[in-house]
Amino acid sequence: ELNNQAIEAALDAARAKADAVARKTGVTLGSVLAVEEGLGYDGF
């Protein structure tokens, strides 16, 4: 359960970051095409 919650928090942070990049570069953010997890420190 905690792992799922941490992933959800990371996904929310990713969307916020992507929104900022889209605004800065003058494009509109669309749908998610792919997700990869476990790229850094993952776990307790």
PDB file of all heavy atoms in Angstrom:
ATOM      1  N   GLU A   1       0.819  -1.205   0.000  1.00  0.00           N
ATOM      2  CA  GLU A   1       0.000   0.000   0.000  1.00  0.00           C
ATOM      3  C   GLU A   1       0.855   1.257   0.000  1.00  0.00           C
ATOM      4  O   GLU A   1       0.593   2.219  -0.749  1.00  0.00           O
ATOM      5  CB  GLU A   1      -0.931  -0.013   1.215  1.00  0.00           C
ATOM      6  CG  GLU A   1      -1.796   1.229   1.369  1.00  0.00           C
ATOM      7  CD  GLU A   1      -2.741   1.455   0.194  1.00  0.00           C
ATOM      8  OE1 GLU A   1      -3.100   0.467  -0.485  1.00  0.00           O
ATOM      9  OE2 GLU A   1      -3.121   2.618  -0.045  1.00  0.00           O
ATOM     10  N   LEU A   2       1.890   1.276   0.828  1.00  0.00           N
ATOM     11  CA  LEU A   2       2.773   2.435   0.885  1.00  0.00           C
ATOM     12  C   LEU A   2       3.535   2.627  -0.427  1.00  0.00           C
ATOM     13  O   LEU A   2       3.749   3.757  -0.873  1.00  0.00           O
ATOM     14  CB  LEU A   2       3.752   2.290   2.048  1.00  0.00           C
ATOM     15  CG  LEU A   2       3.142   2.442   3.441  1.00  0.00           C
ATOM     16  CD1 LEU A   2       4.130   2.006   4.512  1.00  0.00           C
ATOM     17  CD2 LEU A   2       2.696   3.873   3.685  1.00  0.00           C
ATOM     18  N   ASN A   3       3.929   1.528  -1.035  1.00  0.00           N
ATOM     19  CA  ASN A   3       4.617   1.619  -2.324  1.00  0.00           C
ATOM     20  C   ASN A   3       3.709   2.247  -3.376  1.00  0.00           C
ATOM     21  O   ASN A   3       4.132   3.117  -4.153  1.00  0.00           O
ATOM     22  CB  ASN A   3       5.066   0.234  -2.766  1.00  0.00           C
ATOM     23  CG  ASN A   3       5.857   0.268  -4.060  1.00  0.00           C
ATOM     24  OD1 ASN A   3       6.933   0.837  -4.126  1.00  0.00           O
ATOM     25  ND2 ASN A   3       5.306  -0.340  -5.095  1.00  0.00           N
ATOM     26  N   ASN A   4       2.440   1.832  -3.393  1.00  0.00           N
ATOM     27  CA  ASN A   4       1.492   2.392  -4.348  1.00  0.00           C
ATOM     28  C   ASN A   4       1.288   3.887  -4.105  1.00  0.00           C
ATOM     29  O   ASN A   4       1.211   4.685  -5.055  1.00  0.00           O
ATOM     30  CB  ASN A   4       0.154   1.671  -4.253  1.00  0.00           C
ATOM     31  CG  ASN A   4       0.214   0.253  -4.786  1.00  0.00           C
ATOM     32  OD1 ASN A   4       1.098  -0.089  -5.562  1.00  0.00           O
ATOM     33  ND2 ASN A   4      -0.725  -0.578  -4.369  1.00  0.00           N
ATOM     34  N   GLN A   5       1.203   4.275  -2.843  1.00  0.00           N
ATOM     35  CA  GLN A   5       1.015   5.687  -2.518  1.00  0.00           C
ATOM     36  C   GLN A   5       2.229   6.518  -2.943  1.00  0.00           C
ATOM     37  O   GLN A   5       2.078   7.655  -3.424  1.00  0.00           O
ATOM     38  CB  GLN A   5       0.754   5.854  -1.024  1.00  0.00           C
ATOM     39  CG  GLN A   5      -0.579   5.293  -0.566  1.00  0.00           C
ATOM     40  CD  GLN A   5      -0.766   5.428   0.934  1.00  0.00           C
ATOM     41  OE1 GLN A   5      -0.089   6.207   1.599  1.00  0.00           O
ATOM     42  NE2 GLN A   5      -1.684   4.655   1.488  1.00  0.00           N
ATOM     43  N   ALA A   6       3.423   5.969  -2.753  1.00  0.00           N
ATOM     44  CA  ALA A   6       4.638   6.691  -3.157  1.00  0.00           C
ATOM     45  C   ALA A   6       4.685   6.859  -4.676  1.00  0.00           C
ATOM     46  O   ALA A   6       5.080   7.912  -5.191  1.00  0.00           O
ATOM     47  CB  ALA A   6       5.876   5.951  -2.661  1.00  0.00           C
ATOM     48  N   ILE A   7       4.288   5.823  -5.413  1.00  0.00           N
ATOM     49  CA  ILE A   7       4.262   5.919  -6.874  1.00  0.00           C
ATOM     50  C   ILE A   7       3.243   6.966  -7.319  1.00  0.00           C
ATOM     51  O   ILE A   7       3.501   7.769  -8.227  1.00  0.00           O
ATOM     52  CB  ILE A   7       3.944   4.544  -7.496  1.00  0.00           C
ATOM     53  CG1 ILE A   7       5.121   3.583  -7.276  1.00  0.00           C
ATOM     54  CG2 ILE A   7       3.646   4.677  -8.994  1.00  0.00           C
ATOM     55  CD1 ILE A   7       4.848   2.159  -7.714  1.00  0.00           C
ATOM     56  N   GLU A   8       2.077   6.980  -6.670  1.00  0.00           N
ATOM     57  CA  GLU A   8       1.062   7.986  -7.016  1.00  0.00           C
ATOM     58  C   GLU A   8       1.602   9.402  -6.773  1.00  0.00           C
ATOM     59  O   GLU A   8       1.364  10.310  -7.577  1.00  0.00           O
ATOM     60  CB  GLU A   8      -0.204   7.744  -6.196  1.00  0.00           C
ATOM     61  CG  GLU A   8      -0.969   6.492  -6.606  1.00  0.00           C
ATOM     62  CD  GLU A   8      -2.138   6.214  -5.688  1.00  0.00           C
ATOM     63  OE1 GLU A   8      -2.382   7.024  -4.764  1.00  0.00           O
ATOM     64  OE2 GLU A   8      -2.819   5.195  -5.895  1.00  0.00           O
ATOM     65  N   ALA A   9       2.313   9.576  -5.659  1.00  0.00           N
ATOM     66  CA  ALA A   9       2.900  10.894  -5.377  1.00  0.00           C
ATOM     67  C   ALA A   9       3.932  11.270  -6.434  1.00  0.00           C
ATOM     68  O   ALA A   9       4.023  12.429  -6.857  1.00  0.00           O
ATOM     69  CB  ALA A   9       3.540  10.901  -3.985  1.00  0.00           C
ATOM     70  N   ALA A  10       4.717  10.294  -6.876  1.00  0.00           N
ATOM     71  CA  ALA A  10       5.719  10.558  -7.914  1.00  0.00           C
ATOM     72  C   ALA A  10       5.054  10.907  -9.249  1.00  0.00           C
ATOM     73  O   ALA A  10       5.522  11.787  -9.977  1.00  0.00           O
ATOM     74  CB  ALA A  10       6.633   9.346  -8.078  1.00  0.00           C
ATOM     75  N   LEU A  11       3.954  10.243  -9.567  1.00  0.00           N
ATOM     76  CA  LEU A  11       3.230  10.546 -10.797  1.00  0.00           C
ATOM     77  C   LEU A  11       2.637  11.949 -10.759  1.00  0.00           C
ATOM     78  O   LEU A  11       2.659  12.674 -11.765  1.00  0.00           O
ATOM     79  CB  LEU A  11       2.125   9.505 -11.026  1.00  0.00           C
ATOM     80  CG  LEU A  11       2.609   8.096 -11.403  1.00  0.00           C
ATOM     81  CD1 LEU A  11       1.439   7.122 -11.396  1.00  0.00           C
ATOM     82  CD2 LEU A  11       3.275   8.104 -12.775  1.00  0.00           C
ATOM     83  N   ASP A  12       2.100  12.346  -9.601  1.00  0.00           N
ATOM     84  CA  ASP A  12       1.585  13.714  -9.461  1.00  0.00           C
ATOM     85  C   ASP A  12       2.705  14.736  -9.660  1.00  0.00           C
ATOM     86  O   ASP A  12       2.520  15.763 -10.324  1.00  0.00           O
ATOM     87  CB  ASP A  12       0.956  13.899  -8.077  1.00  0.00           C
ATOM     88  CG  ASP A  12      -0.362  13.135  -7.927  1.00  0.00           C
ATOM     89  OD1 ASP A  12      -0.953  12.763  -8.954  1.00  0.00           O
ATOM     90  OD2 ASP A  12      -0.784  12.908  -6.773  1.00  0.00           O
ATOM     91  N   ALA A  13       3.878  14.439  -9.090  1.00  0.00           N
ATOM     92  CA  ALA A  13       5.021  15.348  -9.244  1.00  0.00           C
ATOM     93  C   ALA A  13       5.481  15.406 -10.692  1.00  0.00           C
ATOM     94  O   ALA A  13       5.873  16.466 -11.200  1.00  0.00           O
ATOM     95  CB  ALA A  13       6.169  14.898  -8.342  1.00  0.00           C
ATOM     96  N   ALA A  14       5.413  14.277 -11.396  1.00  0.00           N
ATOM     97  CA  ALA A  14       5.812  14.242 -12.802  1.00  0.00           C
ATOM     98  C   ALA A  14       4.878  15.100 -13.653  1.00  0.00           C
ATOM     99  O   ALA A  14       5.326  15.838 -14.536  1.00  0.00           O
ATOM    100  CB  ALA A  14       5.819  12.804 -13.311  1.00  0.00           C
ATOM    101  N   ARG A  15       3.581  15.012 -13.396  1.00  0.00           N
ATOM    102  CA  ARG A  15       2.641  15.823 -14.170  1.00  0.00           C
ATOM    103  C   ARG A  15       2.852  17.312 -13.908  1.00  0.00           C
ATOM    104  O   ARG A  15       2.808  18.128 -14.840  1.00  0.00           O
ATOM    105  CB  ARG A  15       1.197  15.425 -13.851  1.00  0.00           C
ATOM    106  CG  ARG A  15       0.156  16.265 -14.597  1.00  0.00           C
ATOM    107  CD  ARG A  15      -1.214  15.660 -14.533  1.00  0.00           C
ATOM    108  NE  ARG A  15      -1.313  14.464 -15.354  1.00  0.00           N
ATOM    109  CZ  ARG A  15      -1.508  14.461 -16.669  1.00  0.00           C
ATOM    110  NH1 ARG A  15      -1.566  15.616 -17.341  1.00  0.00           N
ATOM    111  NH2 ARG A  15      -1.613  13.327 -17.333  1.00  0.00           N
ATOM    112  N   ALA A  16       3.090  17.677 -12.656  1.00  0.00           N
ATOM    113  CA  ALA A  16       3.332  19.086 -12.337  1.00  0.00           C
ATOM    114  C   ALA A  16       4.584  19.589 -13.049  1.00  0.00           C
ATOM    115  O   ALA A  16       4.622  20.712 -13.582  1.00  0.00           O
ATOM    116  CB  ALA A  16       3.462  19.260 -10.831  1.00  0.00           C
ATOM    117  N   LYS A  17       5.630  18.759 -13.083  1.00  0.00           N
ATOM    118  CA  LYS A  17       6.865  19.154 -13.756  1.00  0.00           C
ATOM    119  C   LYS A  17       6.642  19.278 -15.260  1.00  0.00           C
ATOM    120  O   LYS A  17       7.124  20.223 -15.905  1.00  0.00           O
ATOM    121  CB  LYS A  17       7.965  18.135 -13.452  1.00  0.00           C
ATOM    122  CG  LYS A  17       9.330  18.515 -14.002  1.00  0.00           C
ATOM    123  CD  LYS A  17      10.369  17.446 -13.654  1.00  0.00           C
ATOM    124  CE  LYS A  17      10.717  17.436 -12.182  1.00  0.00           C
ATOM    125  NZ  LYS A  17      11.863  16.519 -11.906  1.00  0.00           N
ATOM    126  N   ALA A  18       5.902  18.321 -15.834  1.00  0.00           N
ATOM    127  CA  ALA A  18       5.633  18.358 -17.266  1.00  0.00           C
ATOM    128  C   ALA A  18       4.773  19.568 -17.630  1.00  0.00           C
ATOM    129  O   ALA A  18       4.974  20.181 -18.687  1.00  0.00           O
ATOM    130  CB  ALA A  18       4.952  17.069 -17.700  1.00  0.00           C
ATOM    131  N   ASP A  19       3.815  19.911 -16.784  1.00  0.00           N
ATOM    132  CA  ASP A  19       2.994  21.101 -17.016  1.00  0.00           C
ATOM    133  C   ASP A  19       3.866  22.351 -17.097  1.00  0.00           C
ATOM    134  O   ASP A  19       3.668  23.217 -17.964  1.00  0.00           O
ATOM    135  CB  ASP A  19       1.965  21.263 -15.890  1.00  0.00           C
ATOM    136  CG  ASP A  19       0.735  20.399 -16.107  1.00  0.00           C
ATOM    137  OD1 ASP A  19       0.422  20.076 -17.265  1.00  0.00           O
ATOM    138  OD2 ASP A  19       0.080  20.048 -15.106  1.00  0.00           O
ATOM    139  N   ALA A  20       4.829  22.451 -16.181  1.00  0.00           N
ATOM    140  CA  ALA A  20       5.709  23.617 -16.169  1.00  0.00           C
ATOM    141  C   ALA A  20       6.549  23.682 -17.435  1.00  0.00           C
ATOM    142  O   ALA A  20       6.747  24.759 -18.019  1.00  0.00           O
ATOM    143  CB  ALA A  20       6.602  23.570 -14.926  1.00  0.00           C
ATOM    144  N   VAL A  21       7.054  22.535 -17.879  1.00  0.00           N
ATOM    145  CA  VAL A  21       7.857  22.500 -19.100  1.00  0.00           C
ATOM    146  C   VAL A  21       7.001  22.886 -20.308  1.00  0.00           C
ATOM    147  O   VAL A  21       7.435  23.641 -21.189  1.00  0.00           O
ATOM    148  CB  VAL A  21       8.482  21.103 -19.295  1.00  0.00           C
ATOM    149  CG1 VAL A  21       9.179  21.005 -20.642  1.00  0.00           C
ATOM    150  CG2 VAL A  21       9.462  20.801 -18.167  1.00  0.00           C
ATOM    151  N   ALA A  22       5.768  22.370 -20.351  1.00  0.00           N
ATOM    152  CA  ALA A  22       4.892  22.665 -21.480  1.00  0.00           C
ATOM    153  C   ALA A  22       4.588  24.157 -21.568  1.00  0.00           C
ATOM    154  O   ALA A  22       4.624  24.750 -22.654  1.00  0.00           O
ATOM    155  CB  ALA A  22       3.598  21.860 -21.350  1.00  0.00           C
ATOM    156  N   ARG A  23       4.288  24.781 -20.440  1.00  0.00           N
ATOM    157  CA  ARG A  23       4.001  26.214 -20.438  1.00  0.00           C
ATOM    158  C   ARG A  23       5.225  27.016 -20.896  1.00  0.00           C
ATOM    159  O   ARG A  23       5.103  27.974 -21.669  1.00  0.00           O
ATOM    160  CB  ARG A  23       3.572  26.666 -19.045  1.00  0.00           C
ATOM    161  CG  ARG A  23       2.184  26.188 -18.639  1.00  0.00           C
ATOM    162  CD  ARG A  23       1.698  26.941 -17.417  1.00  0.00           C
ATOM    163  NE  ARG A  23       2.604  26.802 -16.280  1.00  0.00           N
ATOM    164  CZ  ARG A  23       2.526  25.834 -15.380  1.00  0.00           C
ATOM    165  NH1 ARG A  23       1.583  24.895 -15.484  1.00  0.00           N
ATOM    166  NH2 ARG A  23       3.380  25.772 -14.369  1.00  0.00           N
ATOM    167  N   LYS A  24       6.387  26.617 -20.414  1.00  0.00           N
ATOM    168  CA  LYS A  24       7.611  27.348 -20.747  1.00  0.00           C
ATOM    169  C   LYS A  24       7.959  27.235 -22.225  1.00  0.00           C
ATOM    170  O   LYS A  24       8.514  28.167 -22.825  1.00  0.00           O
ATOM    171  CB  LYS A  24       8.770  26.805 -19.895  1.00  0.00           C
ATOM    172  CG  LYS A  24      10.042  27.626 -19.962  1.00  0.00           C
ATOM    173  CD  LYS A  24       9.880  28.969 -19.276  1.00  0.00           C
ATOM    174  CE  LYS A  24      11.180  29.736 -19.214  1.00  0.00           C
ATOM    175  NZ  LYS A  24      11.019  31.052 -18.568  1.00  0.00           N
ATOM    176  N   THR A  25       7.648  26.104 -22.837  1.00  0.00           N
ATOM    177  CA  THR A  25       8.024  25.872 -24.237  1.00  0.00           C
ATOM    178  C   THR A  25       6.874  26.138 -25.196  1.00  0.00           C
ATOM    179  O   THR A  25       7.013  25.918 -26.409  1.00  0.00           O
ATOM    180  CB  THR A  25       8.519  24.420 -24.414  1.00  0.00           C
ATOM    181  OG1 THR A  25       7.497  23.514 -23.951  1.00  0.00           O
ATOM    182  CG2 THR A  25       9.798  24.191 -23.638  1.00  0.00           C
ATOM    183  N   GLY A  26       5.730  26.595 -24.690  1.00  0.00           N
ATOM    184  CA  GLY A  26       4.626  26.993 -25.551  1.00  0.00           C
ATOM    185  C   GLY A  26       3.872  25.857 -26.195  1.00  0.00           C
ATOM    186  O   GLY A  26       3.331  26.009 -27.295  1.00  0.00           O
ATOM    187  N   VAL A  27       3.811  24.703 -25.531  1.00  0.00           N
ATOM    188  CA  VAL A  27       3.039  23.581 -26.058  1.00  0.00           C
ATOM    189  C   VAL A  27       1.967  23.202 -25.054  1.00  0.00           C
ATOM    190  O   VAL A  27       1.962  23.661 -23.913  1.00  0.00           O
ATOM    191  CB  VAL A  27       3.942  22.365 -26.359  1.00  0.00           C
ATOM    192  CG1 VAL A  27       4.957  22.705 -27.440  1.00  0.00           C
ATOM    193  CG2 VAL A  27       4.648  21.883 -25.090  1.00  0.00           C
ATOM    194  N   THR A  28       1.047  22.344 -25.500  1.00  0.00           N
ATOM    195  CA  THR A  28      -0.039  21.876 -24.635  1.00  0.00           C
ATOM    196  C   THR A  28       0.224  20.423 -24.250  1.00  0.00           C
ATOM    197  O   THR A  28       0.508  19.596 -25.121  1.00  0.00           O
ATOM    198  CB  THR A  28      -1.392  21.983 -25.346  1.00  0.00           C
ATOM    199  OG1 THR A  28      -1.633  23.354 -25.693  1.00  0.00           O
ATOM    200  CG2 THR A  28      -2.516  21.493 -24.437  1.00  0.00           C
ATOM    201  N   LEU A  29       0.123  20.140 -22.968  1.00  0.00           N
ATOM    202  CA  LEU A  29       0.394  18.790 -22.474  1.00  0.00           C
ATOM    203  C   LEU A  29      -0.772  17.871 -22.801  1.00  0.00           C
ATOM    204  O   LEU A  29      -1.932  18.206 -22.579  1.00  0.00           O
ATOM    205  CB  LEU A  29       0.625  18.826 -20.959  1.00  0.00           C
ATOM    206  CG  LEU A  29       1.256  17.589 -20.319  1.00  0.00           C
ATOM    207  CD1 LEU A  29       2.688  17.419 -20.819  1.00  0.00           C
ATOM    208  CD2 LEU A  29       1.234  17.699 -18.803  1.00  0.00           C
ATOM    209  N   GLY A  30      -0.442  16.694 -23.327  1.00  0.00           N
ATOM    210  CA  GLY A  30      -1.461  15.712 -23.673  1.00  0.00           C
ATOM    211  C   GLY A  30      -1.478  14.536 -22.713  1.00  0.00           C
ATOM    212  O   GLY A  30      -1.128  14.658 -21.537  1.00  0.00           O
ATOM    213  N   SER A  31      -1.844  13.398 -23.227  1.00  0.00           N
ATOM    214  CA  SER A  31      -2.004  12.204 -22.395  1.00  0.00           C
ATOM    215  C   SER A  31      -0.671  11.527 -22.101  1.00  0.00           C
ATOM    216  O   SER A  31       0.346  11.793 -22.752  1.00  0.00           O
ATOM    217  CB  SER A  31      -2.928  11.211 -23.107  1.00  0.00           C
ATOM    218  OG  SER A  31      -2.365  10.830 -24.349  1.00  0.00           O
ATOM    219  N   VAL A  32      -0.701  10.639 -21.111  1.00  0.00           N
ATOM    220  CA  VAL A  32       0.481   9.851 -20.769  1.00  0.00           C
ATOM    221  C   VAL A  32       0.644   8.734 -21.799  1.00  0.00           C
ATOM    222  O   VAL A  32      -0.301   7.991 -22.089  1.00  0.00           O
ATOM    223  CB  VAL A  32       0.335   9.241 -19.358  1.00  0.00           C
ATOM    224  CG1 VAL A  32       1.491   8.278 -19.077  1.00  0.00           C
ATOM    225  CG2 VAL A  32       0.298  10.346 -18.303  1.00  0.00           C
ATOM    226  N   LEU A  33       1.851   8.616 -22.346  1.00  0.00           N
ATOM    227  CA  LEU A  33       2.141   7.578 -23.319  1.00  0.00           C
ATOM    228  C   LEU A  33       2.845   6.371 -22.720  1.00  0.00           C
ATOM    229  O   LEU A  33       2.671   5.245 -23.172  1.00  0.00           O
ATOM    230  CB  LEU A  33       3.009   8.158 -24.450  1.00  0.00           C
ATOM    231  CG  LEU A  33       2.372   9.297 -25.261  1.00  0.00           C
ATOM    232  CD1 LEU A  33       3.369   9.821 -26.280  1.00  0.00           C
ATOM    233  CD2 LEU A  33       1.090   8.845 -25.927  1.00  0.00           C
ATOM    234  N   ALA A  34       3.669   6.613 -21.694  1.00  0.00           N
ATOM    235  CA  ALA A  34       4.414   5.507 -21.086  1.00  0.00           C
ATOM    236  C   ALA A  34       4.899   5.915 -19.704  1.00  0.00           C
ATOM    237  O   ALA A  34       5.113   7.095 -19.428  1.00  0.00           O
ATOM    238  CB  ALA A  34       5.592   5.093 -21.962  1.00  0.00           C
ATOM    239  N   VAL A  35       5.045   4.926 -18.842  1.00  0.00           N
ATOM    240  CA  VAL A  35       5.540   5.152 -17.484  1.00  0.00           C
ATOM    241  C   VAL A  35       6.557   4.067 -17.165  1.00  0.00           C
ATOM    242  O   VAL A  35       6.349   2.887 -17.470  1.00  0.00           O
ATOM    243  CB  VAL A  35       4.408   5.103 -16.436  1.00  0.00           C
ATOM    244  CG1 VAL A  35       4.972   5.261 -15.023  1.00  0.00           C
ATOM    245  CG2 VAL A  35       3.366   6.172 -16.706  1.00  0.00           C
ATOM    246  N   GLU A  36       7.651   4.482 -16.543  1.00  0.00           N
ATOM    247  CA  GLU A  36       8.663   3.533 -16.071  1.00  0.00           C
ATOM    248  C   GLU A  36       8.960   3.867 -14.616  1.00  0.00           C
ATOM    249  O   GLU A  36       9.167   5.036 -14.275  1.00  0.00           O
ATOM    250  CB  GLU A  36       9.936   3.640 -16.897  1.00  0.00           C
ATOM    251  CG  GLU A  36      11.042   2.667 -16.482  1.00  0.00           C
ATOM    252  CD  GLU A  36      10.834   1.265 -17.036  1.00  0.00           C
ATOM    253  OE1 GLU A  36       9.912   1.072 -17.840  1.00  0.00           O
ATOM    254  OE2 GLU A  36      11.587   0.375 -16.644  1.00  0.00           O
ATOM    255  N   GLU A  37       8.969   2.865 -13.743  1.00  0.00           N
ATOM    256  CA  GLU A  37       9.285   3.096 -12.331  1.00  0.00           C
ATOM    257  C   GLU A  37      10.534   2.312 -11.954  1.00  0.00           C
ATOM    258  O   GLU A  37      11.044   1.508 -12.726  1.00  0.00           O
ATOM    259  CB  GLU A  37       8.119   2.676 -11.437  1.00  0.00           C
ATOM    260  CG  GLU A  37       7.754   1.209 -11.548  1.00  0.00           C
ATOM    261  CD  GLU A  37       6.625   0.812 -10.597  1.00  0.00           C
ATOM    262  OE1 GLU A  37       6.903   0.700  -9.396  1.00  0.00           O
ATOM    263  OE2 GLU A  37       5.500   0.632 -11.070  1.00  0.00           O
ATOM    264  N   GLY A  38      11.032   2.555 -10.744  1.00  0.00           N
ATOM    265  CA  GLY A  38      12.208   1.835 -10.268  1.00  0.00           C
ATOM    266  C   GLY A  38      13.497   2.340 -10.860  1.00  0.00           C
ATOM    267  O   GLY A  38      14.448   1.574 -11.004  1.00  0.00           O
ATOM    268  N   LEU A  39      13.565   3.637 -11.197  1.00  0.00           N
ATOM    269  CA  LEU A  39      14.766   4.174 -11.830  1.00  0.00           C
ATOM    270  C   LEU A  39      15.753   4.782 -10.839  1.00  0.00           C
ATOM    271  O   LEU A  39      16.884   5.078 -11.190  1.00  0.00           O
ATOM    272  CB  LEU A  39      14.381   5.244 -12.859  1.00  0.00           C
ATOM    273  CG  LEU A  39      13.451   4.759 -13.979  1.00  0.00           C
ATOM    274  CD1 LEU A  39      13.052   5.916 -14.868  1.00  0.00           C
ATOM    275  CD2 LEU A  39      14.127   3.673 -14.779  1.00  0.00           C
ATOM    276  N   GLY A  40      15.313   5.004  -9.609  1.00  0.00           N
ATOM    277  CA  GLY A  40      16.182   5.605  -8.608  1.00  0.00           C
ATOM    278  C   GLY A  40      16.083   4.814  -7.328  1.00  0.00           C
ATOM    279  O   GLY A  40      16.072   3.579  -7.351  1.00  0.00           O
ATOM    280  N   TYR A  41      15.964   5.523  -6.200  1.00  0.00           N
ATOM    281  CA  TYR A  41      15.769   4.830  -4.927  1.00  0.00           C
ATOM    282  C   TYR A  41      14.297   4.538  -4.778  1.00  0.00           C
ATOM    283  O   TYR A  41      13.463   5.440  -4.768  1.00  0.00           O
ATOM    284  CB  TYR A  41      16.266   5.679  -3.756  1.00  0.00           C
ATOM    285  CG  TYR A  41      16.083   4.958  -2.434  1.00  0.00           C
ATOM    286  CD1 TYR A  41      17.088   4.149  -1.928  1.00  0.00           C
ATOM    287  CD2 TYR A  41      14.895   5.052  -1.729  1.00  0.00           C
ATOM    288  CE1 TYR A  41      16.920   3.462  -0.744  1.00  0.00           C
ATOM    289  CE2 TYR A  41      14.716   4.363  -0.546  1.00  0.00           C
ATOM    290  CZ  TYR A  41      15.727   3.578  -0.053  1.00  0.00           C
ATOM    291  OH  TYR A  41      15.547   2.884   1.120  1.00  0.00           O
ATOM    292  N   ASP A  42      13.930   3.284  -4.663  1.00  0.00           N
ATOM    293  CA  ASP A  42      12.542   2.887  -4.486  1.00  0.00           C
ATOM    294  C   ASP A  42      12.451   1.951  -3.290  1.00  0.00           C
ATOM    295  O   ASP A  42      13.200   0.983  -3.186  1.00  0.00           O
ATOM    296  CB  ASP A  42      12.013   2.172  -5.726  1.00  0.00           C
ATOM    297  CG  ASP A  42      11.842   3.111  -6.896  1.00  0.00           C
ATOM    298  OD1 ASP A  42      12.824   3.316  -7.627  1.00  0.00           O
ATOM    299  OD2 ASP A  42      10.738   3.652  -7.049  1.00  0.00           O
ATOM    300  N   GLY A  43      11.516   2.245  -2.395  1.00  0.00           N
ATOM    301  CA  GLY A  43      11.325   1.386  -1.248  1.00  0.00           C
ATOM    302  C   GLY A  43      11.372   2.148   0.054  1.00  0.00           C
ATOM    303  O   GLY A  43      11.335   3.381   0.084  1.00  0.00           O
ATOM    304  N   PHE A  44      11.478   1.416   1.125  1.00  0.00           N
ATOM    305  CA  PHE A  44      11.384   1.993   2.462  1.00  0.00           C
ATOM    306  C   PHE A  44      12.755   2.374   2.999  1.00  0.00           C
ATOM    307  O   PHE A  44      13.692   1.577   2.953  1.00  0.00           O
ATOM    308  CB  PHE A  44      10.719   0.980   3.397  1.00  0.00           C
ATOM    309  CG  PHE A  44      10.603   1.454   4.815  1.00  0.00           C
ATOM    310  CD1 PHE A  44       9.979   2.658   5.105  1.00  0.00           C
ATOM    311  CD2 PHE A  44      11.120   0.701   5.851  1.00  0.00           C
ATOM    312  CE1 PHE A  44       9.867   3.101   6.413  1.00  0.00           C
ATOM    313  CE2 PHE A  44      11.011   1.134   7.158  1.00  0.00           C
ATOM    314  CZ  PHE A  44      10.381   2.333   7.440  1.00  0.00           C
TER     315      PHE A  44
END
